[in-house]
């Protein structure tokens, strides 16, 4: 509707609408979270969590509104028509940039239960949004270097405990648990440093996936394997706000989760770890070929 405006004007309007939408919803969200904090009982959570999730759903719908108003984005999406807005999903996606989360929320909102992410501990201090993520029970994970883990293997237990506590809460109300399996955004520099065997992807990390499967595997309806591509180039968040004719391509497929992956011991069972590793790398190889096809088209 505002496509006739210059990109800078569209970007400013989009940012202001995002800010206003966030400020409008964060107040009632925090109020409910404080009530839940004061009443740390299962019954209270069962009543309050659907309301906090509904507020987040409305916030996402508001973001979709300003996207339609200010953006020229072309959405090429397949595989979402058979999704059900009930139950629990484990969502797996490649990670390209800051726009990914907005794209996933825009496409999947009200098609599946609210997406909840593993978030770096440092993001708790992001103004406004850090409090919102806390209120929604997003699990905050501490990232330890390989050297730190080698010096103190007990640090691994921190993330396991964080995931276990988060999944206990998610098990009460239908939730979609989102996992960027690469653990970080794809860049050519990271790709080269890893020596990744894939053309368009970093190596997948199985640890977070294993934790989620161990905690909630039998409760997940299915794995949603999402492949994301930007044929015109990965936009920065500002470029996205300015609506510079970005094309977003998304392919979604439902896959069954092998029951064996819900019960194994990732840390102590090398055969189980190898089987999960092989399964995930097979998915990643197929995803890499799919991205290659999407970019060629």
Protein backbone atom coordinates (compact mmCIF):
# COMPACT_ATOMS: atom_id res chain seq x y z
CA UNK A 1 0.00 0.00 0.00
CA UNK A 2 2.88 2.35 0.79
CA UNK A 3 5.07 0.95 -1.96
CA UNK A 4 5.07 4.32 -3.72
CA UNK A 5 7.12 5.84 -0.88
CA UNK A 6 10.93 5.93 -1.08
CA UNK A 7 12.69 3.11 0.81
CA UNK A 8 13.90 5.38 3.63
CA UNK A 9 10.37 6.56 4.38
CA UNK A 10 9.04 3.00 4.31
CA UNK A 11 11.81 1.91 6.67
CA UNK A 12 11.09 4.68 9.19
CA UNK A 13 7.34 3.98 9.11
CA UNK A 14 7.88 0.23 9.46
CA UNK A 15 10.24 0.71 12.42
CA UNK A 16 7.81 3.05 14.20
CA UNK A 17 4.93 0.63 13.68
CA UNK A 18 7.05 -2.25 15.01
CA UNK A 19 7.96 -0.17 18.07
CA UNK A 20 4.37 0.91 18.75
CA UNK A 21 3.10 -2.65 18.29
CA UNK A 22 5.71 -3.93 20.75
CA UNK A 23 5.05 -1.25 23.37
CA UNK A 24 1.30 -1.86 23.15
CA UNK A 25 1.52 -5.59 23.90
CA UNK A 26 4.50 -5.78 26.26
CA UNK A 27 2.61 -4.16 29.17
CA UNK A 28 -0.14 -6.78 29.53
CA UNK A 29 2.38 -9.53 28.76
CA UNK A 30 4.63 -8.49 31.66
CA UNK A 31 1.63 -8.04 33.97
CA UNK A 32 0.53 -11.63 33.38
CA UNK A 33 4.12 -12.88 33.77
CA UNK A 34 4.39 -11.17 37.17
CA UNK A 35 1.12 -12.75 38.30
CA UNK A 36 2.47 -16.14 37.22
CA UNK A 37 5.70 -15.44 39.10
CA UNK A 38 3.73 -14.67 42.25
CA UNK A 39 1.65 -17.85 41.85
CA UNK A 40 4.22 -20.55 41.00
CA UNK A 41 1.67 -23.35 40.74
CA UNK A 42 0.85 -25.64 37.85
CA UNK A 43 -2.81 -24.61 37.92
CA UNK A 44 -1.91 -20.92 37.62
CA UNK A 45 0.45 -21.62 34.74
CA UNK A 46 -2.19 -23.66 32.91
CA UNK A 47 -4.49 -20.64 33.02
CA UNK A 48 -1.98 -17.85 32.39
CA UNK A 49 0.29 -19.35 29.71
CA UNK A 50 -2.47 -19.51 27.04
CA UNK A 51 -3.05 -15.80 27.62
CA UNK A 52 0.64 -14.87 27.32
CA UNK A 53 0.89 -16.97 24.16
CA UNK A 54 -2.23 -15.27 22.78
CA UNK A 55 -0.67 -11.85 23.39
CA UNK A 56 2.48 -12.92 21.53
CA UNK A 57 0.28 -14.22 18.69
CA UNK A 58 -1.43 -10.82 18.46
CA UNK A 59 1.96 -9.07 18.45
CA UNK A 60 3.08 -11.25 15.52
CA UNK A 61 -0.21 -10.52 13.70
CA UNK A 62 0.47 -6.80 14.19
CA UNK A 63 3.93 -7.23 12.69
CA UNK A 64 2.40 -9.01 9.70
CA UNK A 65 0.11 -6.00 9.34
CA UNK A 66 2.90 -3.45 9.04
CA UNK A 67 4.77 -5.82 6.72
CA UNK A 68 1.81 -5.89 4.34
CA UNK A 69 1.45 -2.12 4.62
CA UNK A 70 5.06 -1.14 3.99
CA UNK A 71 6.81 -4.08 2.29
CA UNK A 72 7.14 -5.24 -1.28
CA UNK A 73 8.20 -8.68 -0.12
CA UNK A 74 7.27 -11.57 -2.40
CA UNK A 75 6.48 -14.67 -0.34
CA UNK A 76 7.01 -18.05 -2.01
CA UNK A 77 5.82 -20.56 0.58
CA UNK A 78 4.95 -24.24 0.26
CA UNK A 79 4.10 -26.99 2.73
CA UNK A 80 2.02 -25.12 5.33
CA UNK A 81 -1.53 -26.03 4.27
CA UNK A 82 -1.62 -29.30 6.22
CA UNK A 83 -0.30 -27.90 9.49
CA UNK A 84 -2.53 -28.10 12.56
CA UNK A 85 -2.94 -25.43 15.23
CA UNK A 86 -2.76 -27.87 18.12
CA UNK A 87 -0.25 -30.19 19.69
CA UNK A 88 3.49 -29.74 19.86
CA UNK A 89 6.05 -29.31 17.05
CA UNK A 90 9.83 -29.36 16.95
CA UNK A 91 10.82 -26.85 14.25
CA UNK A 92 14.21 -27.08 12.56
CA UNK A 93 15.50 -24.38 10.19
CA UNK A 94 18.66 -23.07 8.59
CA UNK A 95 19.75 -19.61 9.80
CA UNK A 96 20.69 -16.79 7.45
CA UNK A 97 20.02 -13.49 9.19
CA UNK A 98 17.96 -11.26 11.47
CA UNK A 99 14.95 -11.43 9.15
CA UNK A 100 14.58 -15.21 9.61
CA UNK A 101 12.56 -14.99 12.83
CA UNK A 102 10.16 -12.40 11.42
CA UNK A 103 9.72 -14.53 8.30
CA UNK A 104 9.03 -17.70 10.30
CA UNK A 105 6.61 -15.93 12.61
CA UNK A 106 4.78 -14.29 9.69
CA UNK A 107 4.31 -17.57 7.81
CA UNK A 108 3.64 -19.94 10.73
CA UNK A 109 1.59 -17.68 13.01
CA UNK A 110 -1.78 -19.28 13.79
CA UNK A 111 -0.88 -22.29 11.67
CA UNK A 112 0.98 -23.97 14.53
CA UNK A 113 1.28 -23.07 18.23
CA UNK A 114 3.51 -20.16 19.18
CA UNK A 115 7.17 -20.53 18.21
CA UNK A 116 9.56 -20.45 21.15
CA UNK A 117 13.32 -20.19 20.66
CA UNK A 118 16.52 -21.06 22.42
CA UNK A 119 18.09 -17.64 23.03
CA UNK A 120 21.60 -16.59 23.96
CA UNK A 121 21.85 -15.44 27.59
CA UNK A 122 23.12 -12.01 26.53
CA UNK A 123 19.85 -11.24 24.73
CA UNK A 124 18.04 -11.10 28.06
CA UNK A 125 19.36 -7.53 28.29
CA UNK A 126 17.94 -6.34 24.96
CA UNK A 127 15.59 -3.42 25.81
CA UNK A 128 11.91 -4.39 25.95
CA UNK A 129 12.31 -7.63 23.97
CA UNK A 130 14.51 -9.27 26.60
CA UNK A 131 11.70 -8.86 29.15
CA UNK A 132 9.15 -10.11 26.62
CA UNK A 133 11.20 -13.25 25.92
CA UNK A 134 11.53 -13.82 29.67
CA UNK A 135 7.78 -13.40 30.13
CA UNK A 136 7.16 -16.00 27.40
CA UNK A 137 9.56 -18.48 29.04
CA UNK A 138 12.01 -18.57 26.16
CA UNK A 139 14.98 -20.64 27.40
CA UNK A 140 18.14 -18.53 27.75
CA UNK A 141 21.23 -20.57 27.01
CA UNK A 142 24.82 -19.80 28.00
CA UNK A 143 27.25 -20.41 25.17
CA UNK A 144 30.50 -21.90 26.36
CA UNK A 145 33.59 -22.16 24.23
CA UNK A 146 35.07 -25.55 23.42
CA UNK A 147 38.04 -24.67 25.60
CA UNK A 148 35.79 -23.79 28.57
CA UNK A 149 33.86 -27.05 28.19
CA UNK A 150 37.10 -28.99 28.05
CA UNK A 151 38.32 -27.34 31.26
CA UNK A 152 34.99 -27.79 33.00
CA UNK A 153 32.70 -30.46 31.46
CA UNK A 154 30.12 -29.71 34.17
CA UNK A 155 29.18 -26.57 32.21
CA UNK A 156 27.28 -28.82 29.80
CA UNK A 157 24.90 -29.64 32.63
CA UNK A 158 23.80 -25.99 32.81
CA UNK A 159 22.29 -26.08 29.32
CA UNK A 160 20.76 -29.51 29.96
CA UNK A 161 19.08 -28.21 33.10
CA UNK A 162 17.87 -25.04 31.35
CA UNK A 163 16.38 -27.11 28.55
CA UNK A 164 14.80 -29.57 30.98
CA UNK A 165 13.11 -26.80 32.98
CA UNK A 166 11.90 -25.03 29.83
CA UNK A 167 10.49 -28.21 28.34
CA UNK A 168 8.64 -28.99 31.58
CA UNK A 169 6.79 -25.69 31.09
CA UNK A 170 6.27 -26.20 27.35
CA UNK A 171 4.74 -29.62 28.00
CA UNK A 172 1.77 -28.00 29.75
CA UNK A 173 0.53 -25.88 26.84
CA UNK A 174 0.85 -26.65 23.09
CA UNK A 175 4.10 -25.11 21.87
CA UNK A 176 6.35 -25.12 18.82
CA UNK A 177 9.98 -25.36 19.90
CA UNK A 178 12.22 -23.64 17.38
CA UNK A 179 15.83 -24.71 16.82
CA UNK A 180 18.35 -23.09 14.48
CA UNK A 181 20.48 -26.20 14.22
CA UNK A 182 23.57 -24.43 12.89
CA UNK A 183 23.71 -22.46 16.14
CA UNK A 184 24.61 -19.21 14.37
CA UNK A 185 23.91 -17.31 11.18
CA UNK A 186 25.48 -18.51 7.96
CA UNK A 187 28.27 -16.32 6.60
CA UNK A 188 30.93 -17.17 4.00
CA UNK A 189 33.62 -16.60 6.63
CA UNK A 190 32.05 -19.04 9.10
CA UNK A 191 31.47 -21.52 6.30
CA UNK A 192 35.14 -21.42 5.31
CA UNK A 193 36.37 -21.57 8.91
CA UNK A 194 34.29 -24.69 9.57
CA UNK A 195 35.24 -26.45 6.38
CA UNK A 196 31.54 -27.23 6.04
CA UNK A 197 30.79 -30.07 3.61
CA UNK A 198 27.62 -28.23 2.51
CA UNK A 199 27.45 -25.51 -0.08
CA UNK A 200 24.80 -23.29 1.55
CA UNK A 201 24.83 -24.43 5.19
CA UNK A 202 27.05 -24.59 8.24
CA UNK A 203 27.52 -27.89 10.01
CA UNK A 204 24.47 -28.80 12.12
CA UNK A 205 24.85 -29.10 15.86
CA UNK A 206 23.10 -32.07 17.39
CA UNK A 207 23.41 -31.14 21.07
CA UNK A 208 20.40 -28.80 21.43
CA UNK A 209 18.25 -31.07 19.28
CA UNK A 210 19.20 -34.07 21.43
CA UNK A 211 18.27 -32.17 24.60
CA UNK A 212 14.85 -31.23 23.23
CA UNK A 213 14.16 -34.76 22.00
CA UNK A 214 15.18 -36.26 25.33
CA UNK A 215 12.94 -33.86 27.26
CA UNK A 216 9.84 -33.83 25.02
CA UNK A 217 10.42 -36.16 22.08
CA UNK A 218 7.35 -38.35 22.51
CA UNK A 219 5.16 -35.28 22.93
CA UNK A 220 6.11 -33.67 19.61
CA UNK A 221 3.54 -34.19 16.86
CA UNK A 222 6.32 -34.12 14.26
CA UNK A 223 9.48 -32.40 13.15
CA UNK A 224 8.86 -29.39 10.91
CA UNK A 225 11.88 -29.14 8.66
CA UNK A 226 11.95 -25.58 7.30
CA UNK A 227 14.21 -24.51 4.45
CA UNK A 228 14.68 -20.78 4.04
CA UNK A 229 16.27 -18.91 1.13
CA UNK A 230 16.54 -15.33 -0.13
CA UNK A 231 17.17 -15.52 -3.89
CA UNK A 232 17.88 -11.77 -4.11
CA UNK A 233 20.45 -11.95 -1.32
CA UNK A 234 20.08 -12.13 2.46
CA UNK A 235 18.67 -8.76 3.58
CA UNK A 236 19.75 -6.87 6.66
CA UNK A 237 16.94 -6.01 9.03
CA UNK A 238 17.01 -2.37 7.88
CA UNK A 239 16.81 -3.41 4.24
CA UNK A 240 13.82 -5.57 5.13
CA UNK A 241 12.12 -2.66 6.89
CA UNK A 242 12.71 -0.51 3.83
CA UNK A 243 10.98 -3.14 1.69
CA UNK A 244 13.57 -3.32 -1.04
CA UNK A 245 11.72 -5.90 -3.13
CA UNK A 246 12.99 -8.89 -1.14
CA UNK A 247 11.88 -12.39 -2.14
CA UNK A 248 11.49 -14.89 0.69
CA UNK A 249 11.31 -18.57 -0.25
CA UNK A 250 10.24 -21.06 2.40
CA UNK A 251 9.63 -24.79 2.13
CA UNK A 252 8.09 -26.66 5.06
CA UNK A 253 7.77 -30.42 5.43
CA UNK A 254 6.54 -32.58 8.28
CA UNK A 255 8.74 -35.50 9.21
CA UNK A 256 8.19 -38.23 11.80
CA UNK A 257 10.62 -38.26 14.70
CA UNK A 258 12.12 -41.73 15.22
CA UNK A 259 10.99 -43.02 18.61
CA UNK A 260 14.50 -44.25 19.36
CA UNK A 261 15.75 -40.65 19.37
CA UNK A 262 13.42 -39.78 22.24
CA UNK A 263 14.95 -42.20 24.74
CA UNK A 264 18.68 -42.34 24.07
CA UNK A 265 21.52 -40.90 26.13
CA UNK A 266 23.34 -38.45 23.89
CA UNK A 267 26.21 -37.86 26.30
CA UNK A 268 26.96 -41.44 27.32
CA UNK A 269 25.87 -43.59 24.38
CA UNK A 270 28.22 -43.20 21.38
CA UNK A 271 26.04 -45.40 19.13
CA UNK A 272 22.98 -43.27 19.83
CA UNK A 273 25.00 -40.09 19.28
CA UNK A 274 26.29 -41.40 15.95
CA UNK A 275 22.79 -42.41 14.81
CA UNK A 276 21.34 -38.97 15.64
CA UNK A 277 24.31 -37.31 13.97
CA UNK A 278 23.83 -39.35 10.78
CA UNK A 279 20.07 -38.66 10.70
CA UNK A 280 20.57 -34.91 11.09
CA UNK A 281 23.35 -34.78 8.50
CA UNK A 282 21.15 -36.65 6.02
CA UNK A 283 18.45 -34.00 6.53
CA UNK A 284 21.07 -31.30 6.11
CA UNK A 285 22.40 -32.77 2.87
CA UNK A 286 18.87 -32.81 1.47
CA UNK A 287 18.28 -29.25 2.67
CA UNK A 288 21.49 -28.12 0.96
CA UNK A 289 20.30 -29.62 -2.35
CA UNK A 290 16.90 -27.97 -1.91
CA UNK A 291 18.47 -24.54 -1.34
CA UNK A 292 20.59 -25.06 -4.44
CA UNK A 293 17.42 -25.76 -6.46
CA UNK A 294 15.58 -22.77 -5.00
CA UNK A 295 18.41 -20.37 -5.76
CA UNK A 296 18.77 -21.69 -9.31
CA UNK A 297 15.06 -21.15 -9.97
